Amino acid sequence: MSLLTKNHLLVASFATLAFASSTDAFACSSCGCTLNSDWSSQGISSGEGTRFDVRFDYFKQSDYRNGTSSVSRSNIPVGTEVQDTTINRNLTLGLDHSFNQDWAINLLLPIFNRSHGTYGEDGDYPDPAALITSSSKGLGDLRVTGRYQGLSADRSSGITFGLKLPTGETNDTFNDGSPLDRGLQLGTGTTDLLLGGYYFGSINRDWDYFAQATVQIALNKHNDFRPGNGLNATAGVRYMGFESFIPQLQFNTRIEKRESGAEADVDNSGATLIYISPGVTVPINKTVQAFGFIQVPIYQHVNGYQIEPNVLLSTGLRFSF
């Protein structure tokens, strides 16, 4: 029996097995990062024990948008910041432990490598002398979540709950010494409440489906800044009929409210983003699995003027112990 067949039978017999929690899709302001690599809500991983995840995301934000439309930088009103490009190369580490078939805990730590450029708000675009840049590298905000999956006898549904902790720095600057926008800092400086739920099941022998949603609510503000509350939601299907890989299709939605506070960019924050995300999971051996996804936006509505990516790439590994 192949590893894939064993994995399919594992999902089909969930009434007697537990599954491991993994990482919620965490938000990078309104810049995407909506992919669900939470293998638990998809029914892929199961059983007590410990798992370690590593995921790499790459996306370049260069498409200037207003509302639902792309706009030319030359048409942005004077007094509104004209951003150049933001390039994100982010690594996410996840450690998960299932205590039993009902309870688990997950730690998720992002490591950001983000470059950004802007021409400011004085109407100096496209003068290259006006371009200032930043390069932010370091730890982001740690997410600690628990999961209870005893809502049904077959463990096909569950709830998640936890906190995002202010472990990321909030004092990065541009190359000219001016403060970097709060929405581009490594951390928000706030403690956020995380609440979510998920459900998965089988359509037939070869097709499975899954859905997950998580809300994120800032519990405080930091240095006159409060990030917008947000919702991440994912629905998808996967095909289990192949022996050596699992193709998958996701639809990812991110809804984020505006930032608030004296240091917030209230007018140019908050968005509704929907992506279609085809991908594949490949078991390397009994304890290691790899995945890769491409995210493409199918709907984008931003408040004010914001830069968004045209494509996002994600790849990663999961190790089970």
C-alpha atoms as a PDB file:
ATOM      1  CA  MET A   1       0.000   0.000   0.000  1.00  0.00           C
ATOM      2  CA  SER A   2       1.410   3.408  -0.973  1.00  0.00           C
ATOM      3  CA  LEU A   3       1.942   6.231   1.493  1.00  0.00           C
ATOM      4  CA  LEU A   4      -0.800   8.224  -0.264  1.00  0.00           C
ATOM      5  CA  THR A   5      -3.283   5.361   0.057  1.00  0.00           C
ATOM      6  CA  LYS A   6      -2.457   5.033   3.744  1.00  0.00           C
ATOM      7  CA  ASN A   7      -2.968   8.753   4.150  1.00  0.00           C
ATOM      8  CA  HIS A   8      -6.367   8.561   2.463  1.00  0.00           C
ATOM      9  CA  LEU A   9      -7.465   5.716   4.725  1.00  0.00           C
ATOM     10  CA  LEU A  10      -6.235   7.724   7.702  1.00  0.00           C
ATOM     11  CA  VAL A  11      -8.606  10.528   6.798  1.00  0.00           C
ATOM     12  CA  ALA A  12     -11.480   8.126   6.125  1.00  0.00           C
ATOM     13  CA  SER A  13     -11.144   6.558   9.586  1.00  0.00           C
ATOM     14  CA  PHE A  14     -10.983   9.781  11.546  1.00  0.00           C
ATOM     15  CA  ALA A  15     -13.399   8.585  14.222  1.00  0.00           C
ATOM     16  CA  THR A  16     -10.569   6.801  16.011  1.00  0.00           C
ATOM     17  CA  LEU A  17      -7.698   9.148  15.274  1.00  0.00           C
ATOM     18  CA  ALA A  18      -6.570  12.631  16.182  1.00  0.00           C
ATOM     19  CA  PHE A  19      -5.014  15.178  13.927  1.00  0.00           C
ATOM     20  CA  ALA A  20      -2.353  17.810  14.480  1.00  0.00           C
ATOM     21  CA  SER A  21      -2.865  21.513  14.312  1.00  0.00           C
ATOM     22  CA  SER A  22      -0.674  23.630  12.157  1.00  0.00           C
ATOM     23  CA  THR A  23      -0.501  27.272  11.182  1.00  0.00           C
ATOM     24  CA  ASP A  24      -3.325  29.659  10.521  1.00  0.00           C
ATOM     25  CA  ALA A  25      -2.835  31.927   7.546  1.00  0.00           C
ATOM     26  CA  PHE A  26      -1.493  35.059   9.103  1.00  0.00           C
ATOM     27  CA  ALA A  27      -1.921  38.509   7.642  1.00  0.00           C
ATOM     28  CA  CYS A  28       0.720  40.878   6.380  1.00  0.00           C
ATOM     29  CA  SER A  29      -1.432  43.972   6.550  1.00  0.00           C
ATOM     30  CA  SER A  30      -3.400  43.941   3.294  1.00  0.00           C
ATOM     31  CA  CYS A  31      -0.693  42.301   1.225  1.00  0.00           C
ATOM     32  CA  GLY A  32      -1.950  38.768   0.827  1.00  0.00           C
ATOM     33  CA  CYS A  33      -0.413  35.880   2.825  1.00  0.00           C
ATOM     34  CA  THR A  34      -3.857  34.281   2.846  1.00  0.00           C
ATOM     35  CA  LEU A  35      -2.812  30.745   1.890  1.00  0.00           C
ATOM     36  CA  ASN A  36      -4.018  28.016   4.225  1.00  0.00           C
ATOM     37  CA  SER A  37      -1.181  25.587   4.933  1.00  0.00           C
ATOM     38  CA  ASP A  38      -3.059  24.346   8.007  1.00  0.00           C
ATOM     39  CA  TRP A  39      -2.898  20.665   7.162  1.00  0.00           C
ATOM     40  CA  SER A  40      -5.089  19.760  10.129  1.00  0.00           C
ATOM     41  CA  SER A  41      -8.180  21.513   8.837  1.00  0.00           C
ATOM     42  CA  GLN A  42      -7.602  19.682   5.550  1.00  0.00           C
ATOM     43  CA  GLY A  43      -7.485  16.283   7.278  1.00  0.00           C
ATOM     44  CA  ILE A  44      -4.000  15.508   5.969  1.00  0.00           C
ATOM     45  CA  SER A  45      -2.182  15.101   9.282  1.00  0.00           C
ATOM     46  CA  SER A  46      -3.403  12.972  12.138  1.00  0.00           C
ATOM     47  CA  GLY A  47      -2.323  11.408  15.389  1.00  0.00           C
ATOM     48  CA  GLU A  48      -0.713  12.459  18.610  1.00  0.00           C
ATOM     49  CA  GLY A  49       2.824  13.734  18.504  1.00  0.00           C
ATOM     50  CA  THR A  50       4.905  16.681  17.395  1.00  0.00           C
ATOM     51  CA  ARG A  51       5.239  18.312  13.996  1.00  0.00           C
ATOM     52  CA  PHE A  52       7.520  21.010  12.654  1.00  0.00           C
ATOM     53  CA  ASP A  53       6.614  23.172   9.660  1.00  0.00           C
ATOM     54  CA  VAL A  54       8.771  25.489   7.589  1.00  0.00           C
ATOM     55  CA  ARG A  55       7.219  27.633   4.859  1.00  0.00           C
ATOM     56  CA  PHE A  56       8.656  30.219   2.453  1.00  0.00           C
ATOM     57  CA  ASP A  57       6.504  32.907   0.809  1.00  0.00           C
ATOM     58  CA  TYR A  58       7.599  35.256  -1.953  1.00  0.00           C
ATOM     59  CA  PHE A  59       5.541  38.087  -3.402  1.00  0.00           C
ATOM     60  CA  LYS A  60       6.266  41.424  -5.015  1.00  0.00           C
ATOM     61  CA  GLN A  61       3.819  44.279  -4.444  1.00  0.00           C
ATOM     62  CA  SER A  62       3.947  46.665  -7.389  1.00  0.00           C
ATOM     63  CA  ASP A  63       0.384  46.919  -8.728  1.00  0.00           C
ATOM     64  CA  TYR A  64      -1.040  50.245  -7.516  1.00  0.00           C
ATOM     65  CA  ARG A  65      -4.749  49.989  -6.809  1.00  0.00           C
ATOM     66  CA  ASN A  66      -7.610  52.232  -5.790  1.00  0.00           C
ATOM     67  CA  GLY A  67     -10.876  50.514  -4.959  1.00  0.00           C
ATOM     68  CA  THR A  68     -11.106  47.611  -7.407  1.00  0.00           C
ATOM     69  CA  SER A  69      -8.991  49.161 -10.178  1.00  0.00           C
ATOM     70  CA  SER A  70      -5.330  49.448 -11.080  1.00  0.00           C
ATOM     71  CA  VAL A  71      -4.119  53.049 -11.252  1.00  0.00           C
ATOM     72  CA  SER A  72      -1.087  54.822 -12.668  1.00  0.00           C
ATOM     73  CA  ARG A  73       1.281  56.344 -10.147  1.00  0.00           C
ATOM     74  CA  SER A  74       1.251  59.556 -12.184  1.00  0.00           C
ATOM     75  CA  ASN A  75      -2.474  59.922 -11.443  1.00  0.00           C
ATOM     76  CA  ILE A  76      -2.175  59.696  -7.656  1.00  0.00           C
ATOM     77  CA  PRO A  77      -3.152  63.033  -6.059  1.00  0.00           C
ATOM     78  CA  VAL A  78      -0.467  65.232  -4.508  1.00  0.00           C
ATOM     79  CA  GLY A  79      -0.564  64.738  -0.757  1.00  0.00           C
ATOM     80  CA  THR A  80      -1.034  60.970  -1.138  1.00  0.00           C
ATOM     81  CA  GLU A  81       2.034  58.766  -0.728  1.00  0.00           C
ATOM     82  CA  VAL A  82       3.366  57.277  -3.962  1.00  0.00           C
ATOM     83  CA  GLN A  83       4.939  53.927  -3.113  1.00  0.00           C
ATOM     84  CA  ASP A  84       7.376  52.183  -5.428  1.00  0.00           C
ATOM     85  CA  THR A  85       7.655  48.456  -4.731  1.00  0.00           C
ATOM     86  CA  THR A  86       7.602  46.114  -1.745  1.00  0.00           C
ATOM     87  CA  ILE A  87       9.352  42.746  -2.058  1.00  0.00           C
ATOM     88  CA  ASN A  88       8.591  40.092   0.562  1.00  0.00           C
ATOM     89  CA  ARG A  89      10.701  36.996   1.225  1.00  0.00           C
ATOM     90  CA  ASN A  90       9.184  35.542   4.367  1.00  0.00           C
ATOM     91  CA  LEU A  91      10.004  32.378   6.280  1.00  0.00           C
ATOM     92  CA  THR A  92       7.490  30.938   8.737  1.00  0.00           C
ATOM     93  CA  LEU A  93       8.366  28.359  11.396  1.00  0.00           C
ATOM     94  CA  GLY A  94       5.617  26.339  13.039  1.00  0.00           C
ATOM     95  CA  LEU A  95       5.836  23.929  15.966  1.00  0.00           C
ATOM     96  CA  ASP A  96       2.780  21.832  16.764  1.00  0.00           C
ATOM     97  CA  HIS A  97       2.083  19.310  19.500  1.00  0.00           C
ATOM     98  CA  SER A  98      -1.022  17.152  19.906  1.00  0.00           C
ATOM     99  CA  PHE A  99      -1.540  16.054  23.505  1.00  0.00           C
ATOM    100  CA  ASN A 100      -4.374  13.669  22.640  1.00  0.00           C
ATOM    101  CA  GLN A 101      -7.149  13.328  20.065  1.00  0.00           C
ATOM    102  CA  ASP A 102      -8.953  16.414  21.406  1.00  0.00           C
ATOM    103  CA  TRP A 103      -6.311  18.992  22.341  1.00  0.00           C
ATOM    104  CA  ALA A 104      -3.265  20.521  20.647  1.00  0.00           C
ATOM    105  CA  ILE A 105      -1.119  23.638  20.769  1.00  0.00           C
ATOM    106  CA  ASN A 106       0.677  25.452  17.960  1.00  0.00           C
ATOM    107  CA  LEU A 107       3.458  28.068  17.871  1.00  0.00           C
ATOM    108  CA  LEU A 108       3.941  30.113  14.707  1.00  0.00           C
ATOM    109  CA  LEU A 109       6.864  32.500  14.218  1.00  0.00           C
ATOM    110  CA  PRO A 110       7.362  34.546  11.024  1.00  0.00           C
ATOM    111  CA  ILE A 111      10.799  35.745   9.969  1.00  0.00           C
ATOM    112  CA  PHE A 112      10.518  38.685   7.581  1.00  0.00           C
ATOM    113  CA  ASN A 113      12.856  39.893   4.852  1.00  0.00           C
ATOM    114  CA  ARG A 114      11.087  42.874   3.296  1.00  0.00           C
ATOM    115  CA  SER A 115      12.400  45.686   1.097  1.00  0.00           C
ATOM    116  CA  HIS A 116      10.281  48.751   0.375  1.00  0.00           C
ATOM    117  CA  GLY A 117      10.561  52.012  -1.507  1.00  0.00           C
ATOM    118  CA  THR A 118       8.474  55.185  -1.626  1.00  0.00           C
ATOM    119  CA  TYR A 119       8.525  58.621  -3.258  1.00  0.00           C
ATOM    120  CA  GLY A 120       6.627  60.197  -0.353  1.00  0.00           C
ATOM    121  CA  GLU A 121       3.649  62.541  -0.440  1.00  0.00           C
ATOM    122  CA  ASP A 122       5.116  65.719  -1.981  1.00  0.00           C
ATOM    123  CA  GLY A 123       4.450  64.998  -5.642  1.00  0.00           C
ATOM    124  CA  ASP A 124       8.080  64.113  -6.438  1.00  0.00           C
ATOM    125  CA  TYR A 125       7.306  60.958  -8.448  1.00  0.00           C
ATOM    126  CA  PRO A 126       9.079  59.889 -10.664  1.00  0.00           C
ATOM    127  CA  ASP A 127      12.201  61.799  -9.568  1.00  0.00           C
ATOM    128  CA  PRO A 128      14.695  59.045  -8.553  1.00  0.00           C
ATOM    129  CA  ALA A 129      16.334  61.446  -6.102  1.00  0.00           C
ATOM    130  CA  ALA A 130      13.101  61.459  -4.084  1.00  0.00           C
ATOM    131  CA  LEU A 131      13.013  57.679  -3.663  1.00  0.00           C
ATOM    132  CA  ILE A 132      13.740  56.465  -0.129  1.00  0.00           C
ATOM    133  CA  THR A 133      14.026  52.800   0.782  1.00  0.00           C
ATOM    134  CA  SER A 134      13.913  50.435   3.723  1.00  0.00           C
ATOM    135  CA  SER A 135      15.120  46.902   4.352  1.00  0.00           C
ATOM    136  CA  SER A 136      13.453  45.118   7.259  1.00  0.00           C
ATOM    137  CA  LYS A 137      14.772  41.775   8.472  1.00  0.00           C
ATOM    138  CA  GLY A 138      13.911  39.955  11.664  1.00  0.00           C
ATOM    139  CA  LEU A 139      11.327  38.171  13.741  1.00  0.00           C
ATOM    140  CA  GLY A 140       7.667  39.060  13.462  1.00  0.00           C
ATOM    141  CA  ASP A 141       4.886  38.591  15.991  1.00  0.00           C
ATOM    142  CA  LEU A 142       4.588  35.140  17.575  1.00  0.00           C
ATOM    143  CA  ARG A 143       1.207  33.409  17.373  1.00  0.00           C
ATOM    144  CA  VAL A 144       0.235  30.899  20.063  1.00  0.00           C
ATOM    145  CA  THR A 145      -2.965  28.956  19.412  1.00  0.00           C
ATOM    146  CA  GLY A 146      -4.724  26.014  20.973  1.00  0.00           C
ATOM    147  CA  ARG A 147      -7.167  23.702  19.258  1.00  0.00           C
ATOM    148  CA  TYR A 148     -10.102  21.639  20.462  1.00  0.00           C
ATOM    149  CA  GLN A 149     -11.354  19.065  17.971  1.00  0.00           C
ATOM    150  CA  GLY A 150     -13.799  17.076  20.058  1.00  0.00           C
ATOM    151  CA  LEU A 151     -16.918  18.726  18.631  1.00  0.00           C
ATOM    152  CA  SER A 152     -17.876  15.619  16.661  1.00  0.00           C
ATOM    153  CA  ALA A 153     -17.213  11.909  16.999  1.00  0.00           C
ATOM    154  CA  ASP A 154     -15.178  11.755  13.787  1.00  0.00           C
ATOM    155  CA  ARG A 155     -13.055  14.794  14.756  1.00  0.00           C
ATOM    156  CA  SER A 156     -13.959  16.494  11.470  1.00  0.00           C
ATOM    157  CA  SER A 157     -14.536  19.906  13.042  1.00  0.00           C
ATOM    158  CA  GLY A 158     -12.855  22.016  15.659  1.00  0.00           C
ATOM    159  CA  ILE A 159     -12.207  25.432  17.116  1.00  0.00           C
ATOM    160  CA  THR A 160      -8.972  27.389  17.494  1.00  0.00           C
ATOM    161  CA  PHE A 161      -8.166  30.097  20.015  1.00  0.00           C
ATOM    162  CA  GLY A 162      -5.083  32.013  21.018  1.00  0.00           C
ATOM    163  CA  LEU A 163      -3.064  35.208  20.913  1.00  0.00           C
ATOM    164  CA  LYS A 164      -0.704  37.048  18.617  1.00  0.00           C
ATOM    165  CA  LEU A 165       2.031  38.437  20.840  1.00  0.00           C
ATOM    166  CA  PRO A 166       4.051  41.644  20.218  1.00  0.00           C
ATOM    167  CA  THR A 167       7.464  40.065  19.631  1.00  0.00           C
ATOM    168  CA  GLY A 168       8.306  41.922  16.397  1.00  0.00           C
ATOM    169  CA  GLU A 169      10.154  45.255  16.364  1.00  0.00           C
ATOM    170  CA  THR A 170       8.191  48.447  15.660  1.00  0.00           C
ATOM    171  CA  ASN A 171      10.975  51.028  15.285  1.00  0.00           C
ATOM    172  CA  ASP A 172      12.472  50.369  11.837  1.00  0.00           C
ATOM    173  CA  THR A 173      13.378  53.365   9.639  1.00  0.00           C
ATOM    174  CA  PHE A 174      13.964  54.345   6.017  1.00  0.00           C
ATOM    175  CA  ASN A 175      17.506  54.859   4.740  1.00  0.00           C
ATOM    176  CA  ASP A 176      17.175  58.618   5.376  1.00  0.00           C
ATOM    177  CA  GLY A 177      16.364  57.998   9.054  1.00  0.00           C
ATOM    178  CA  SER A 178      12.646  58.769   8.859  1.00  0.00           C
ATOM    179  CA  PRO A 179      10.252  56.319  10.568  1.00  0.00           C
ATOM    180  CA  LEU A 180       8.970  53.412   8.501  1.00  0.00           C
ATOM    181  CA  ASP A 181       5.202  53.154   8.108  1.00  0.00           C
ATOM    182  CA  ARG A 182       3.655  51.239  10.993  1.00  0.00           C
ATOM    183  CA  GLY A 183       1.970  48.802   8.632  1.00  0.00           C
ATOM    184  CA  LEU A 184       5.404  47.816   7.275  1.00  0.00           C
ATOM    185  CA  GLN A 185       7.089  47.218  10.633  1.00  0.00           C
ATOM    186  CA  LEU A 186       8.096  43.693  11.642  1.00  0.00           C
ATOM    187  CA  GLY A 187       5.439  43.723  14.362  1.00  0.00           C
ATOM    188  CA  THR A 188       2.326  45.673  15.260  1.00  0.00           C
ATOM    189  CA  GLY A 189       3.210  46.169  18.937  1.00  0.00           C
ATOM    190  CA  THR A 190      -0.233  44.893  19.916  1.00  0.00           C
ATOM    191  CA  THR A 191      -1.620  41.737  21.459  1.00  0.00           C
ATOM    192  CA  ASP A 192      -4.336  40.284  19.233  1.00  0.00           C
ATOM    193  CA  LEU A 193      -7.051  37.745  19.988  1.00  0.00           C
ATOM    194  CA  LEU A 194      -7.301  34.828  17.528  1.00  0.00           C
ATOM    195  CA  LEU A 195     -10.534  32.839  17.227  1.00  0.00           C
ATOM    196  CA  GLY A 196     -11.397  30.357  14.520  1.00  0.00           C
ATOM    197  CA  GLY A 197     -13.039  27.161  13.408  1.00  0.00           C
ATOM    198  CA  TYR A 198     -12.747  24.564  10.674  1.00  0.00           C
ATOM    199  CA  TYR A 199     -14.522  21.625   9.066  1.00  0.00           C
ATOM    200  CA  PHE A 200     -13.494  18.971   6.553  1.00  0.00           C
ATOM    201  CA  GLY A 201     -14.969  15.862   4.976  1.00  0.00           C
ATOM    202  CA  SER A 202     -15.096  13.532   1.971  1.00  0.00           C
ATOM    203  CA  ILE A 203     -17.212  14.052  -1.136  1.00  0.00           C
ATOM    204  CA  ASN A 204     -16.448  10.536  -2.394  1.00  0.00           C
ATOM    205  CA  ARG A 205     -13.555   8.084  -2.407  1.00  0.00           C
ATOM    206  CA  ASP A 206     -11.187  10.440  -4.214  1.00  0.00           C
ATOM    207  CA  TRP A 207     -12.368  13.965  -3.376  1.00  0.00           C
ATOM    208  CA  ASP A 208     -12.137  15.754  -0.018  1.00  0.00           C
ATOM    209  CA  TYR A 209     -13.150  19.275   0.972  1.00  0.00           C
ATOM    210  CA  PHE A 210     -12.195  21.620   3.800  1.00  0.00           C
ATOM    211  CA  ALA A 211     -13.011  25.068   5.137  1.00  0.00           C
ATOM    212  CA  GLN A 212     -11.489  27.286   7.804  1.00  0.00           C
ATOM    213  CA  ALA A 213     -11.967  30.806   9.142  1.00  0.00           C
ATOM    214  CA  THR A 214     -10.046  32.864  11.717  1.00  0.00           C
ATOM    215  CA  VAL A 215     -10.754  36.326  13.099  1.00  0.00           C
ATOM    216  CA  GLN A 216      -7.989  38.517  14.503  1.00  0.00           C
ATOM    217  CA  ILE A 217      -8.897  41.324  16.912  1.00  0.00           C
ATOM    218  CA  ALA A 218      -6.376  43.782  18.355  1.00  0.00           C
ATOM    219  CA  LEU A 219      -6.829  44.060  22.131  1.00  0.00           C
ATOM    220  CA  ASN A 220      -4.818  47.258  22.572  1.00  0.00           C
ATOM    221  CA  LYS A 221      -2.896  49.936  20.712  1.00  0.00           C
ATOM    222  CA  HIS A 222       0.839  50.649  20.715  1.00  0.00           C
ATOM    223  CA  ASN A 223       2.407  54.084  20.280  1.00  0.00           C
ATOM    224  CA  ASP A 224      -0.776  55.553  18.796  1.00  0.00           C
ATOM    225  CA  PHE A 225      -1.290  52.655  16.388  1.00  0.00           C
ATOM    226  CA  ARG A 226      -3.905  49.923  16.287  1.00  0.00           C
ATOM    227  CA  PRO A 227      -4.018  47.466  13.353  1.00  0.00           C
ATOM    228  CA  GLY A 228      -7.323  46.794  11.673  1.00  0.00           C
ATOM    229  CA  ASN A 229      -9.258  43.741  12.787  1.00  0.00           C
ATOM    230  CA  GLY A 230      -9.299  41.010  10.164  1.00  0.00           C
ATOM    231  CA  LEU A 231     -10.868  37.803   8.921  1.00  0.00           C
ATOM    232  CA  ASN A 232      -9.061  35.035   7.016  1.00  0.00           C
ATOM    233  CA  ALA A 233     -11.283  32.401   5.380  1.00  0.00           C
ATOM    234  CA  THR A 234     -10.357  29.457   3.180  1.00  0.00           C
ATOM    235  CA  ALA A 235     -12.335  26.803   1.316  1.00  0.00           C
ATOM    236  CA  GLY A 236     -10.888  24.144  -0.911  1.00  0.00           C
ATOM    237  CA  VAL A 237     -10.885  20.671  -2.381  1.00  0.00           C
ATOM    238  CA  ARG A 238      -8.188  18.075  -2.940  1.00  0.00           C
ATOM    239  CA  TYR A 239      -7.971  14.979  -5.126  1.00  0.00           C
ATOM    240  CA  MET A 240      -6.690  11.794  -3.490  1.00  0.00           C
ATOM    241  CA  GLY A 241      -6.732   9.477  -6.527  1.00  0.00           C
ATOM    242  CA  PHE A 242      -3.050   9.719  -7.436  1.00  0.00           C
ATOM    243  CA  GLU A 243      -0.420   7.518  -5.856  1.00  0.00           C
ATOM    244  CA  SER A 244       2.434   9.988  -5.517  1.00  0.00           C
ATOM    245  CA  PHE A 245       0.940  13.456  -4.978  1.00  0.00           C
ATOM    246  CA  ILE A 246      -2.197  15.325  -3.889  1.00  0.00           C
ATOM    247  CA  PRO A 247      -3.369  18.209  -6.090  1.00  0.00           C
ATOM    248  CA  GLN A 248      -5.375  20.862  -4.308  1.00  0.00           C
ATOM    249  CA  LEU A 249      -7.347  24.006  -5.080  1.00  0.00           C
ATOM    250  CA  GLN A 250      -8.077  26.734  -2.534  1.00  0.00           C
ATOM    251  CA  PHE A 251     -10.035  29.960  -2.466  1.00  0.00           C
ATOM    252  CA  ASN A 252      -8.587  32.358   0.118  1.00  0.00           C
ATOM    253  CA  THR A 253     -10.273  35.498   1.416  1.00  0.00           C
ATOM    254  CA  ARG A 254      -8.801  38.255   3.567  1.00  0.00           C
ATOM    255  CA  ILE A 255     -11.016  41.036   4.940  1.00  0.00           C
ATOM    256  CA  GLU A 256      -9.239  43.707   6.960  1.00  0.00           C
ATOM    257  CA  LYS A 257     -10.588  46.888   8.525  1.00  0.00           C
ATOM    258  CA  ARG A 258      -8.731  50.198   8.536  1.00  0.00           C
ATOM    259  CA  GLU A 259      -5.881  50.942  10.914  1.00  0.00           C
ATOM    260  CA  SER A 260      -6.549  53.525  13.612  1.00  0.00           C
ATOM    261  CA  GLY A 261      -4.539  55.943  15.731  1.00  0.00           C
ATOM    262  CA  ALA A 262      -2.377  58.993  15.168  1.00  0.00           C
ATOM    263  CA  GLU A 263       0.401  56.872  13.586  1.00  0.00           C
ATOM    264  CA  ALA A 264      -1.952  54.907  11.324  1.00  0.00           C
ATOM    265  CA  ASP A 265      -2.473  55.410   7.601  1.00  0.00           C
ATOM    266  CA  VAL A 266      -6.226  55.405   8.033  1.00  0.00           C
ATOM    267  CA  ASP A 267      -7.127  56.466   4.486  1.00  0.00           C
ATOM    268  CA  ASN A 268      -4.895  53.894   2.792  1.00  0.00           C
ATOM    269  CA  SER A 269      -5.431  50.777   4.885  1.00  0.00           C
ATOM    270  CA  GLY A 270      -7.930  47.955   4.932  1.00  0.00           C
ATOM    271  CA  ALA A 271      -8.987  45.745   2.054  1.00  0.00           C
ATOM    272  CA  THR A 272     -10.989  42.776   0.829  1.00  0.00           C
ATOM    273  CA  LEU A 273      -8.825  40.300  -1.101  1.00  0.00           C
ATOM    274  CA  ILE A 274      -9.814  36.993  -2.725  1.00  0.00           C
ATOM    275  CA  TYR A 275      -7.284  34.596  -4.256  1.00  0.00           C
ATOM    276  CA  ILE A 276      -7.447  31.329  -6.167  1.00  0.00           C
ATOM    277  CA  SER A 277      -4.615  29.021  -5.125  1.00  0.00           C
ATOM    278  CA  PRO A 278      -3.768  25.807  -6.990  1.00  0.00           C
ATOM    279  CA  GLY A 279      -1.133  23.640  -5.370  1.00  0.00           C
ATOM    280  CA  VAL A 280       0.210  20.197  -4.679  1.00  0.00           C
ATOM    281  CA  THR A 281       1.314  18.126  -1.682  1.00  0.00           C
ATOM    282  CA  VAL A 282       4.013  15.466  -2.137  1.00  0.00           C
ATOM    283  CA  PRO A 283       4.932  12.871   0.526  1.00  0.00           C
ATOM    284  CA  ILE A 284       8.703  12.445   0.540  1.00  0.00           C
ATOM    285  CA  ASN A 285       8.700   9.630   3.079  1.00  0.00           C
ATOM    286  CA  LYS A 286       6.661   8.544   6.086  1.00  0.00           C
ATOM    287  CA  THR A 287       7.633  11.580   8.160  1.00  0.00           C
ATOM    288  CA  VAL A 288       8.247  14.374   5.630  1.00  0.00           C
ATOM    289  CA  GLN A 289       5.801  16.031   3.263  1.00  0.00           C
ATOM    290  CA  ALA A 290       6.333  18.953   0.896  1.00  0.00           C
ATOM    291  CA  PHE A 291       3.874  21.428  -0.588  1.00  0.00           C
ATOM    292  CA  GLY A 292       3.841  24.227  -3.123  1.00  0.00           C
ATOM    293  CA  PHE A 293       1.165  26.753  -4.122  1.00  0.00           C
ATOM    294  CA  ILE A 294       0.621  29.672  -6.468  1.00  0.00           C
ATOM    295  CA  GLN A 295      -1.854  32.385  -5.420  1.00  0.00           C
ATOM    296  CA  VAL A 296      -3.483  34.632  -8.004  1.00  0.00           C
ATOM    297  CA  PRO A 297      -5.887  37.451  -7.057  1.00  0.00           C
ATOM    298  CA  ILE A 298      -9.392  37.208  -8.507  1.00  0.00           C
ATOM    299  CA  TYR A 299     -10.876  40.120  -6.543  1.00  0.00           C
ATOM    300  CA  GLN A 300      -9.180  43.059  -4.839  1.00  0.00           C
ATOM    301  CA  HIS A 301     -10.849  46.019  -3.181  1.00  0.00           C
ATOM    302  CA  VAL A 302      -8.567  48.358  -1.251  1.00  0.00           C
ATOM    303  CA  ASN A 303      -9.285  51.520   0.682  1.00  0.00           C
ATOM    304  CA  GLY A 304      -7.454  54.532  -0.700  1.00  0.00           C
ATOM    305  CA  TYR A 305      -4.271  53.788  -2.657  1.00  0.00           C
ATOM    306  CA  GLN A 306      -2.314  50.600  -1.966  1.00  0.00           C
ATOM    307  CA  ILE A 307       0.144  48.337  -3.789  1.00  0.00           C
ATOM    308  CA  GLU A 308      -0.788  44.676  -4.193  1.00  0.00           C
ATOM    309  CA  PRO A 309       0.887  41.570  -5.666  1.00  0.00           C
ATOM    310  CA  ASN A 310      -0.113  39.964  -8.963  1.00  0.00           C
ATOM    311  CA  VAL A 311       1.055  36.533  -7.847  1.00  0.00           C
ATOM    312  CA  LEU A 312       2.253  34.912  -4.613  1.00  0.00           C
ATOM    313  CA  LEU A 313       4.459  31.824  -4.375  1.00  0.00           C
ATOM    314  CA  SER A 314       4.577  29.505  -1.355  1.00  0.00           C
ATOM    315  CA  THR A 315       6.489  26.318  -0.650  1.00  0.00           C
ATOM    316  CA  GLY A 316       7.242  24.365   2.480  1.00  0.00           C
ATOM    317  CA  LEU A 317       7.959  21.163   4.365  1.00  0.00           C
ATOM    318  CA  ARG A 318       6.318  19.381   7.277  1.00  0.00           C
ATOM    319  CA  PHE A 319       8.241  17.017   9.540  1.00  0.00           C
ATOM    320  CA  SER A 320       6.385  14.594  11.834  1.00  0.00           C
ATOM    321  CA  PHE A 321       7.962  13.046  14.915  1.00  0.00           C
END
